[in-house]
Amino acid sequence: MADQPQQTTTPPQRQLVLQKIYIKDLSYESPKAPEIFRTNATPQTQLNIRSSNFDLGGGNIEVTLTMTIESKDKEATIFLIEIAQAGVFLIDGYTPQERAVLLGSFCPATLYPYAREAISDVVVKGGFPSLLLQPINFDSLFAQASKSAMEQAAAAAVPQPPAEERH
């Protein structure tokens, strides 16, 4: 009996390549200008952030980091910025769990510095002092979102007792 060569299967090679970065949408409003420049406003700034992705095929995925920054003085809006910073990433050879982490944490973290720079530039061009957005821990945000989604799924899976009928 002849020895048969052992066949080994090599796992698919992993690829994570940033193909393109671009601003998909950018909006700036300063409804109180120029009056706001003559006041002693004490702005409070709020940041809302979310990410989404779209499969382009061939392992290419568009990831979009959407940020809304609103600066207010009491109830008056000083400025409002909305940006959709996007990138195309080639992601291949990863497990579904690894891919979810890349799309939910790594890719938005890669896009964030570009969005942060664009926001700062727009604020300055709008006549205001530079806005320095602090670093964001996307790993932590992704972990929180995953935990929340699991808790909601678990709560939805628990059978609810039927409501009592009243006579």
N, C-alpha and C. Protein backbone atom coordinates (compact mmCIF):
# COMPACT_ATOMS: atom_id res chain seq x y z
N MET A 1 0.84 -1.16 0.00
CA MET A 1 0.00 0.00 0.00
C MET A 1 0.90 1.24 0.00
N ALA A 2 0.70 2.06 -0.99
CA ALA A 2 1.52 3.26 -1.14
C ALA A 2 1.01 4.36 -0.21
N ASP A 3 1.96 5.07 0.31
CA ASP A 3 1.56 6.20 1.16
C ASP A 3 0.93 7.29 0.30
N GLN A 4 -0.21 7.74 0.72
CA GLN A 4 -0.89 8.84 0.05
C GLN A 4 -0.41 10.15 0.66
N PRO A 5 -0.09 11.13 -0.17
CA PRO A 5 0.31 12.42 0.41
C PRO A 5 -0.87 13.03 1.16
N GLN A 6 -0.56 13.57 2.30
CA GLN A 6 -1.61 14.20 3.10
C GLN A 6 -2.02 15.51 2.45
N GLN A 7 -3.32 15.67 2.35
CA GLN A 7 -3.83 16.92 1.82
C GLN A 7 -4.13 17.85 2.99
N THR A 8 -3.58 19.00 2.90
CA THR A 8 -3.88 20.00 3.93
C THR A 8 -4.59 21.16 3.25
N THR A 9 -5.56 21.64 3.94
CA THR A 9 -6.26 22.81 3.41
C THR A 9 -5.76 24.03 4.18
N THR A 10 -5.35 24.98 3.43
CA THR A 10 -4.88 26.21 4.08
C THR A 10 -6.07 27.15 4.23
N PRO A 11 -6.14 27.79 5.36
CA PRO A 11 -7.25 28.72 5.55
C PRO A 11 -7.12 29.87 4.55
N PRO A 12 -8.25 30.45 4.18
CA PRO A 12 -8.17 31.55 3.22
C PRO A 12 -7.31 32.68 3.79
N GLN A 13 -6.54 33.29 2.90
CA GLN A 13 -5.69 34.38 3.34
C GLN A 13 -6.55 35.58 3.69
N ARG A 14 -6.25 36.15 4.83
CA ARG A 14 -7.00 37.31 5.29
C ARG A 14 -6.51 38.56 4.59
N GLN A 15 -7.47 39.38 4.20
CA GLN A 15 -7.14 40.66 3.58
C GLN A 15 -7.99 41.74 4.23
N LEU A 16 -7.34 42.81 4.57
CA LEU A 16 -8.01 44.01 5.06
C LEU A 16 -7.27 45.18 4.43
N VAL A 17 -7.88 45.75 3.39
CA VAL A 17 -7.22 46.80 2.62
C VAL A 17 -8.16 47.99 2.51
N LEU A 18 -7.67 49.15 2.88
CA LEU A 18 -8.42 50.39 2.70
C LEU A 18 -8.26 50.81 1.24
N GLN A 19 -9.35 50.81 0.50
CA GLN A 19 -9.31 51.11 -0.93
C GLN A 19 -9.48 52.60 -1.22
N LYS A 20 -10.38 53.27 -0.46
CA LYS A 20 -10.74 54.66 -0.77
C LYS A 20 -11.35 55.30 0.46
N ILE A 21 -11.07 56.60 0.66
CA ILE A 21 -11.72 57.40 1.72
C ILE A 21 -12.28 58.64 1.05
N TYR A 22 -13.52 58.98 1.40
CA TYR A 22 -14.16 60.15 0.80
C TYR A 22 -15.28 60.68 1.68
N ILE A 23 -15.60 61.94 1.48
CA ILE A 23 -16.76 62.54 2.15
C ILE A 23 -17.96 62.29 1.26
N LYS A 24 -18.95 61.61 1.80
CA LYS A 24 -20.15 61.27 1.06
C LYS A 24 -21.18 62.39 1.15
N ASP A 25 -21.21 63.07 2.30
CA ASP A 25 -22.16 64.17 2.50
C ASP A 25 -21.60 65.07 3.59
N LEU A 26 -21.81 66.38 3.43
CA LEU A 26 -21.34 67.35 4.42
C LEU A 26 -22.30 68.53 4.41
N SER A 27 -22.80 68.88 5.58
CA SER A 27 -23.74 69.98 5.71
C SER A 27 -23.33 70.85 6.91
N TYR A 28 -23.41 72.17 6.72
CA TYR A 28 -23.07 73.12 7.78
C TYR A 28 -24.13 74.21 7.80
N GLU A 29 -24.60 74.53 9.00
CA GLU A 29 -25.55 75.62 9.18
C GLU A 29 -25.12 76.46 10.37
N SER A 30 -25.27 77.76 10.24
CA SER A 30 -25.07 78.68 11.36
C SER A 30 -26.20 79.71 11.29
N PRO A 31 -27.38 79.32 11.79
CA PRO A 31 -28.57 80.15 11.61
C PRO A 31 -28.52 81.51 12.31
N LYS A 32 -27.68 81.67 13.32
CA LYS A 32 -27.62 82.93 14.07
C LYS A 32 -26.47 83.84 13.63
N ALA A 33 -25.74 83.44 12.60
CA ALA A 33 -24.64 84.30 12.11
C ALA A 33 -25.25 85.46 11.33
N PRO A 34 -24.73 86.64 11.38
CA PRO A 34 -23.53 87.07 12.09
C PRO A 34 -23.79 87.56 13.51
N GLU A 35 -25.08 87.60 13.93
CA GLU A 35 -25.39 88.14 15.26
C GLU A 35 -24.65 87.40 16.37
N ILE A 36 -24.45 86.09 16.21
CA ILE A 36 -23.83 85.27 17.25
C ILE A 36 -22.41 85.72 17.56
N PHE A 37 -21.74 86.34 16.58
CA PHE A 37 -20.35 86.76 16.78
C PHE A 37 -20.24 87.97 17.70
N ARG A 38 -21.35 88.67 17.96
CA ARG A 38 -21.34 89.85 18.84
C ARG A 38 -21.83 89.52 20.24
N THR A 39 -22.05 88.26 20.53
CA THR A 39 -22.55 87.88 21.86
C THR A 39 -21.46 87.16 22.64
N ASN A 40 -21.74 86.98 23.90
CA ASN A 40 -20.86 86.19 24.77
C ASN A 40 -21.50 84.83 25.00
N ALA A 41 -21.71 84.12 23.93
CA ALA A 41 -22.36 82.82 24.00
C ALA A 41 -21.49 81.82 24.75
N THR A 42 -22.15 80.95 25.48
CA THR A 42 -21.47 79.85 26.16
C THR A 42 -21.99 78.55 25.54
N PRO A 43 -21.36 78.13 24.44
CA PRO A 43 -21.90 77.00 23.69
C PRO A 43 -21.75 75.67 24.42
N GLN A 44 -22.74 74.84 24.22
CA GLN A 44 -22.72 73.45 24.66
C GLN A 44 -22.79 72.62 23.38
N THR A 45 -21.83 71.74 23.20
CA THR A 45 -21.74 70.97 21.97
C THR A 45 -22.10 69.52 22.22
N GLN A 46 -22.93 68.98 21.34
CA GLN A 46 -23.37 67.59 21.44
C GLN A 46 -22.96 66.85 20.18
N LEU A 47 -22.45 65.64 20.35
CA LEU A 47 -22.00 64.81 19.24
C LEU A 47 -22.83 63.53 19.21
N ASN A 48 -23.38 63.23 18.05
CA ASN A 48 -24.06 61.96 17.81
C ASN A 48 -23.31 61.26 16.69
N ILE A 49 -23.12 59.96 16.85
CA ILE A 49 -22.30 59.22 15.91
C ILE A 49 -22.92 57.85 15.65
N ARG A 50 -22.84 57.42 14.39
CA ARG A 50 -23.30 56.07 14.04
C ARG A 50 -22.53 55.61 12.81
N SER A 51 -22.52 54.33 12.59
CA SER A 51 -21.86 53.81 11.39
C SER A 51 -22.78 52.79 10.73
N SER A 52 -22.57 52.65 9.44
CA SER A 52 -23.33 51.68 8.67
C SER A 52 -22.40 51.12 7.59
N ASN A 53 -22.82 50.02 6.98
CA ASN A 53 -21.99 49.45 5.91
C ASN A 53 -22.87 48.88 4.82
N PHE A 54 -22.28 48.81 3.63
CA PHE A 54 -22.99 48.33 2.46
C PHE A 54 -22.03 47.44 1.66
N ASP A 55 -22.46 46.21 1.39
CA ASP A 55 -21.63 45.25 0.65
C ASP A 55 -21.64 45.61 -0.83
N LEU A 56 -20.47 45.92 -1.38
CA LEU A 56 -20.33 46.29 -2.79
C LEU A 56 -20.02 45.09 -3.67
N GLY A 57 -19.80 43.93 -3.04
CA GLY A 57 -19.45 42.72 -3.79
C GLY A 57 -17.94 42.57 -3.91
N GLY A 58 -17.52 41.35 -4.16
CA GLY A 58 -16.10 41.06 -4.32
C GLY A 58 -15.28 41.32 -3.07
N GLY A 59 -15.91 41.26 -1.91
CA GLY A 59 -15.20 41.51 -0.65
C GLY A 59 -15.08 42.99 -0.30
N ASN A 60 -15.53 43.87 -1.19
CA ASN A 60 -15.47 45.31 -0.94
C ASN A 60 -16.73 45.76 -0.19
N ILE A 61 -16.50 46.53 0.84
CA ILE A 61 -17.59 47.02 1.67
C ILE A 61 -17.41 48.52 1.89
N GLU A 62 -18.49 49.26 1.64
CA GLU A 62 -18.47 50.69 1.95
C GLU A 62 -18.92 50.85 3.41
N VAL A 63 -18.10 51.50 4.20
CA VAL A 63 -18.43 51.81 5.58
C VAL A 63 -18.60 53.31 5.67
N THR A 64 -19.71 53.75 6.30
CA THR A 64 -20.00 55.16 6.43
C THR A 64 -20.11 55.52 7.91
N LEU A 65 -19.31 56.48 8.32
CA LEU A 65 -19.35 57.02 9.67
C LEU A 65 -20.10 58.34 9.58
N THR A 66 -21.26 58.40 10.21
CA THR A 66 -22.10 59.60 10.17
C THR A 66 -22.03 60.29 11.53
N MET A 67 -21.70 61.57 11.49
CA MET A 67 -21.57 62.35 12.72
C MET A 67 -22.42 63.61 12.61
N THR A 68 -23.11 63.94 13.70
CA THR A 68 -23.87 65.18 13.79
C THR A 68 -23.36 65.93 15.01
N ILE A 69 -22.93 67.16 14.80
CA ILE A 69 -22.41 68.00 15.88
C ILE A 69 -23.30 69.23 15.95
N GLU A 70 -23.89 69.45 17.11
CA GLU A 70 -24.73 70.63 17.30
C GLU A 70 -24.20 71.43 18.47
N SER A 71 -23.95 72.70 18.21
CA SER A 71 -23.48 73.61 19.25
C SER A 71 -24.60 74.60 19.53
N LYS A 72 -25.00 74.68 20.80
CA LYS A 72 -26.12 75.54 21.20
C LYS A 72 -25.71 76.47 22.33
N ASP A 73 -26.36 77.61 22.36
CA ASP A 73 -26.30 78.53 23.49
C ASP A 73 -27.73 78.63 24.00
N LYS A 74 -27.96 78.04 25.14
CA LYS A 74 -29.32 77.87 25.67
C LYS A 74 -30.12 77.09 24.63
N GLU A 75 -31.16 77.68 24.07
CA GLU A 75 -31.96 76.96 23.07
C GLU A 75 -31.59 77.35 21.63
N ALA A 76 -30.71 78.34 21.45
CA ALA A 76 -30.36 78.81 20.12
C ALA A 76 -29.22 77.98 19.53
N THR A 77 -29.41 77.51 18.31
CA THR A 77 -28.36 76.76 17.62
C THR A 77 -27.31 77.72 17.11
N ILE A 78 -26.07 77.50 17.52
CA ILE A 78 -24.94 78.31 17.04
C ILE A 78 -24.48 77.76 15.70
N PHE A 79 -24.22 76.46 15.65
CA PHE A 79 -23.95 75.80 14.37
C PHE A 79 -24.34 74.34 14.46
N LEU A 80 -24.57 73.78 13.28
CA LEU A 80 -24.96 72.38 13.15
C LEU A 80 -24.18 71.81 11.97
N ILE A 81 -23.48 70.72 12.20
CA ILE A 81 -22.70 70.06 11.16
C ILE A 81 -23.13 68.60 11.08
N GLU A 82 -23.33 68.14 9.86
CA GLU A 82 -23.59 66.72 9.62
C GLU A 82 -22.61 66.27 8.55
N ILE A 83 -21.91 65.19 8.85
CA ILE A 83 -20.94 64.65 7.89
C ILE A 83 -21.13 63.15 7.78
N ALA A 84 -21.03 62.65 6.56
CA ALA A 84 -20.98 61.22 6.29
C ALA A 84 -19.62 60.95 5.66
N GLN A 85 -18.69 60.48 6.48
CA GLN A 85 -17.34 60.15 6.03
C GLN A 85 -17.35 58.67 5.67
N ALA A 86 -16.95 58.35 4.46
CA ALA A 86 -17.06 56.97 4.00
C ALA A 86 -15.71 56.43 3.52
N GLY A 87 -15.65 55.13 3.45
CA GLY A 87 -14.47 54.46 2.93
C GLY A 87 -14.86 53.11 2.35
N VAL A 88 -14.09 52.66 1.39
CA VAL A 88 -14.28 51.32 0.83
C VAL A 88 -13.14 50.45 1.36
N PHE A 89 -13.51 49.35 1.99
CA PHE A 89 -12.57 48.42 2.59
C PHE A 89 -12.72 47.06 1.91
N LEU A 90 -11.60 46.45 1.54
CA LEU A 90 -11.61 45.07 1.07
C LEU A 90 -11.40 44.21 2.31
N ILE A 91 -12.39 43.40 2.62
CA ILE A 91 -12.34 42.53 3.81
C ILE A 91 -12.63 41.11 3.34
N ASP A 92 -11.64 40.23 3.46
CA ASP A 92 -11.79 38.88 2.96
C ASP A 92 -11.05 37.90 3.87
N GLY A 93 -11.64 36.71 4.05
CA GLY A 93 -10.97 35.65 4.79
C GLY A 93 -11.20 35.68 6.29
N TYR A 94 -12.12 36.50 6.76
CA TYR A 94 -12.40 36.60 8.20
C TYR A 94 -13.68 35.86 8.53
N THR A 95 -13.78 35.39 9.77
CA THR A 95 -15.01 34.76 10.23
C THR A 95 -16.09 35.84 10.35
N PRO A 96 -17.36 35.46 10.39
CA PRO A 96 -18.42 36.47 10.54
C PRO A 96 -18.25 37.32 11.80
N GLN A 97 -17.78 36.73 12.90
CA GLN A 97 -17.58 37.49 14.12
C GLN A 97 -16.44 38.50 13.96
N GLU A 98 -15.34 38.06 13.35
CA GLU A 98 -14.21 38.96 13.12
C GLU A 98 -14.61 40.09 12.18
N ARG A 99 -15.36 39.73 11.17
CA ARG A 99 -15.82 40.73 10.19
C ARG A 99 -16.71 41.77 10.87
N ALA A 100 -17.58 41.33 11.77
CA ALA A 100 -18.46 42.25 12.49
C ALA A 100 -17.65 43.24 13.31
N VAL A 101 -16.59 42.76 13.96
CA VAL A 101 -15.73 43.65 14.75
C VAL A 101 -15.01 44.65 13.84
N LEU A 102 -14.52 44.18 12.71
CA LEU A 102 -13.85 45.08 11.77
C LEU A 102 -14.80 46.17 11.29
N LEU A 103 -16.02 45.78 10.92
CA LEU A 103 -16.99 46.74 10.40
C LEU A 103 -17.54 47.66 11.48
N GLY A 104 -17.63 47.16 12.70
CA GLY A 104 -18.22 47.96 13.78
C GLY A 104 -17.24 48.76 14.59
N SER A 105 -15.95 48.44 14.49
CA SER A 105 -14.95 49.13 15.30
C SER A 105 -13.77 49.63 14.49
N PHE A 106 -13.06 48.72 13.84
CA PHE A 106 -11.84 49.11 13.13
C PHE A 106 -12.10 50.12 12.02
N CYS A 107 -13.08 49.83 11.16
CA CYS A 107 -13.34 50.72 10.02
C CYS A 107 -13.81 52.10 10.46
N PRO A 108 -14.79 52.22 11.38
CA PRO A 108 -15.16 53.57 11.84
C PRO A 108 -13.99 54.30 12.51
N ALA A 109 -13.16 53.57 13.25
CA ALA A 109 -12.00 54.20 13.88
C ALA A 109 -11.01 54.71 12.84
N THR A 110 -10.92 54.03 11.71
CA THR A 110 -10.06 54.48 10.62
C THR A 110 -10.61 55.76 9.98
N LEU A 111 -11.92 55.85 9.85
CA LEU A 111 -12.56 57.00 9.22
C LEU A 111 -12.63 58.23 10.12
N TYR A 112 -12.67 58.02 11.43
CA TYR A 112 -12.90 59.11 12.38
C TYR A 112 -11.91 60.28 12.24
N PRO A 113 -10.61 60.05 12.15
CA PRO A 113 -9.70 61.20 12.04
C PRO A 113 -9.97 62.08 10.81
N TYR A 114 -10.39 61.47 9.73
CA TYR A 114 -10.72 62.24 8.53
C TYR A 114 -11.97 63.10 8.76
N ALA A 115 -12.98 62.52 9.39
CA ALA A 115 -14.20 63.27 9.70
C ALA A 115 -13.90 64.38 10.69
N ARG A 116 -13.08 64.08 11.69
CA ARG A 116 -12.73 65.07 12.71
C ARG A 116 -12.02 66.26 12.08
N GLU A 117 -11.11 66.02 11.15
CA GLU A 117 -10.40 67.10 10.48
C GLU A 117 -11.35 67.95 9.63
N ALA A 118 -12.25 67.29 8.89
CA ALA A 118 -13.21 68.02 8.06
C ALA A 118 -14.12 68.90 8.93
N ILE A 119 -14.55 68.37 10.06
CA ILE A 119 -15.41 69.14 10.96
C ILE A 119 -14.68 70.36 11.50
N SER A 120 -13.45 70.17 11.94
CA SER A 120 -12.67 71.28 12.46
C SER A 120 -12.48 72.37 11.40
N ASP A 121 -12.18 71.96 10.17
CA ASP A 121 -12.00 72.92 9.09
C ASP A 121 -13.28 73.72 8.83
N VAL A 122 -14.42 73.03 8.80
CA VAL A 122 -15.69 73.71 8.53
C VAL A 122 -16.03 74.69 9.65
N VAL A 123 -15.79 74.32 10.89
CA VAL A 123 -16.08 75.21 12.02
C VAL A 123 -15.25 76.49 11.91
N VAL A 124 -13.98 76.35 11.60
CA VAL A 124 -13.09 77.51 11.46
C VAL A 124 -13.55 78.38 10.28
N LYS A 125 -13.89 77.75 9.17
CA LYS A 125 -14.35 78.51 8.01
C LYS A 125 -15.69 79.17 8.28
N GLY A 126 -16.43 78.68 9.26
CA GLY A 126 -17.69 79.29 9.67
C GLY A 126 -17.50 80.47 10.61
N GLY A 127 -16.24 80.79 10.95
CA GLY A 127 -15.95 81.95 11.78
C GLY A 127 -15.81 81.65 13.27
N PHE A 128 -15.75 80.39 13.63
CA PHE A 128 -15.66 80.01 15.05
C PHE A 128 -14.27 79.47 15.36
N PRO A 129 -13.92 79.44 16.63
CA PRO A 129 -12.63 78.82 17.01
C PRO A 129 -12.64 77.34 16.64
N SER A 130 -11.46 76.79 16.43
CA SER A 130 -11.32 75.39 16.07
C SER A 130 -12.03 74.49 17.08
N LEU A 131 -12.73 73.49 16.58
CA LEU A 131 -13.42 72.51 17.42
C LEU A 131 -12.55 71.27 17.49
N LEU A 132 -12.07 70.94 18.67
CA LEU A 132 -11.22 69.77 18.85
C LEU A 132 -12.07 68.64 19.43
N LEU A 133 -12.42 67.69 18.58
CA LEU A 133 -13.15 66.52 19.04
C LEU A 133 -12.17 65.53 19.64
N GLN A 134 -12.53 65.00 20.78
CA GLN A 134 -11.66 64.07 21.49
C GLN A 134 -11.65 62.70 20.81
N PRO A 135 -10.58 61.92 21.02
CA PRO A 135 -10.55 60.56 20.47
C PRO A 135 -11.74 59.75 21.00
N ILE A 136 -12.17 58.80 20.20
CA ILE A 136 -13.30 57.94 20.56
C ILE A 136 -12.80 56.50 20.58
N ASN A 137 -13.19 55.75 21.60
CA ASN A 137 -12.84 54.34 21.71
C ASN A 137 -13.92 53.52 21.01
N PHE A 138 -13.71 53.24 19.73
CA PHE A 138 -14.71 52.51 18.95
C PHE A 138 -14.83 51.06 19.39
N ASP A 139 -13.76 50.49 19.95
CA ASP A 139 -13.85 49.12 20.49
C ASP A 139 -14.88 49.07 21.61
N SER A 140 -14.83 50.06 22.50
CA SER A 140 -15.78 50.12 23.61
C SER A 140 -17.20 50.36 23.12
N LEU A 141 -17.37 51.27 22.17
CA LEU A 141 -18.70 51.54 21.62
C LEU A 141 -19.28 50.29 20.96
N PHE A 142 -18.44 49.55 20.22
CA PHE A 142 -18.90 48.34 19.56
C PHE A 142 -19.29 47.29 20.60
N ALA A 143 -18.48 47.15 21.64
CA ALA A 143 -18.78 46.17 22.70
C ALA A 143 -20.10 46.51 23.39
N GLN A 144 -20.32 47.80 23.67
CA GLN A 144 -21.58 48.22 24.31
C GLN A 144 -22.77 47.94 23.39
N ALA A 145 -22.63 48.26 22.12
CA ALA A 145 -23.72 48.03 21.17
C ALA A 145 -24.02 46.54 21.02
N SER A 146 -22.97 45.71 20.99
CA SER A 146 -23.15 44.26 20.89
C SER A 146 -23.85 43.71 22.12
N LYS A 147 -23.44 44.18 23.30
CA LYS A 147 -24.06 43.73 24.54
C LYS A 147 -25.53 44.12 24.58
N SER A 148 -25.82 45.34 24.19
CA SER A 148 -27.20 45.82 24.17
C SER A 148 -28.05 45.01 23.20
N ALA A 149 -27.50 44.70 22.02
CA ALA A 149 -28.23 43.91 21.03
C ALA A 149 -28.50 42.50 21.55
N MET A 150 -27.52 41.91 22.24
CA MET A 150 -27.72 40.56 22.80
C MET A 150 -28.78 40.58 23.89
N GLU A 151 -28.76 41.62 24.74
CA GLU A 151 -29.76 41.72 25.80
C GLU A 151 -31.16 41.88 25.22
N GLN A 152 -31.28 42.68 24.16
CA GLN A 152 -32.59 42.87 23.53
C GLN A 152 -33.06 41.59 22.87
N ALA A 153 -32.15 40.85 22.24
CA ALA A 153 -32.51 39.59 21.60
C ALA A 153 -32.94 38.57 22.65
N ALA A 154 -32.23 38.54 23.79
CA ALA A 154 -32.58 37.61 24.87
C ALA A 154 -33.94 37.97 25.46
N ALA A 155 -34.21 39.25 25.62
CA ALA A 155 -35.49 39.69 26.17
C ALA A 155 -36.63 39.35 25.21
N ALA A 156 -36.38 39.45 23.92
CA ALA A 156 -37.41 39.14 22.92
C ALA A 156 -37.67 37.64 22.85
N ALA A 157 -36.66 36.82 23.19
CA ALA A 157 -36.80 35.37 23.11
C ALA A 157 -37.53 34.79 24.31
N VAL A 158 -37.63 35.53 25.41
CA VAL A 158 -38.31 35.04 26.61
C VAL A 158 -39.82 35.09 26.37
N PRO A 159 -40.49 33.96 26.46
CA PRO A 159 -41.95 33.99 26.24
C PRO A 159 -42.64 34.81 27.32
N GLN A 160 -43.56 35.62 26.87
CA GLN A 160 -44.33 36.46 27.78
C GLN A 160 -45.62 35.73 28.15
N PRO A 161 -46.00 35.75 29.43
CA PRO A 161 -47.26 35.09 29.80
C PRO A 161 -48.43 35.85 29.15
N PRO A 162 -49.46 35.11 28.79
CA PRO A 162 -50.62 35.79 28.17
C PRO A 162 -51.26 36.76 29.15
N ALA A 163 -51.78 37.83 28.63
CA ALA A 163 -52.46 38.82 29.46
C ALA A 163 -53.74 38.22 29.99
N GLU A 164 -54.05 38.53 31.22
CA GLU A 164 -55.28 38.02 31.82
C GLU A 164 -56.48 38.71 31.19
N GLU A 165 -57.47 37.91 30.96
CA GLU A 165 -58.69 38.48 30.41
C GLU A 165 -59.54 39.00 31.55
N ARG A 166 -60.15 40.12 31.35
CA ARG A 166 -61.04 40.70 32.38
C ARG A 166 -62.48 40.50 31.95
N HIS A 167 -63.30 40.11 32.90
CA HIS A 167 -64.73 39.89 32.62
C HIS A 167 -65.55 40.94 33.28
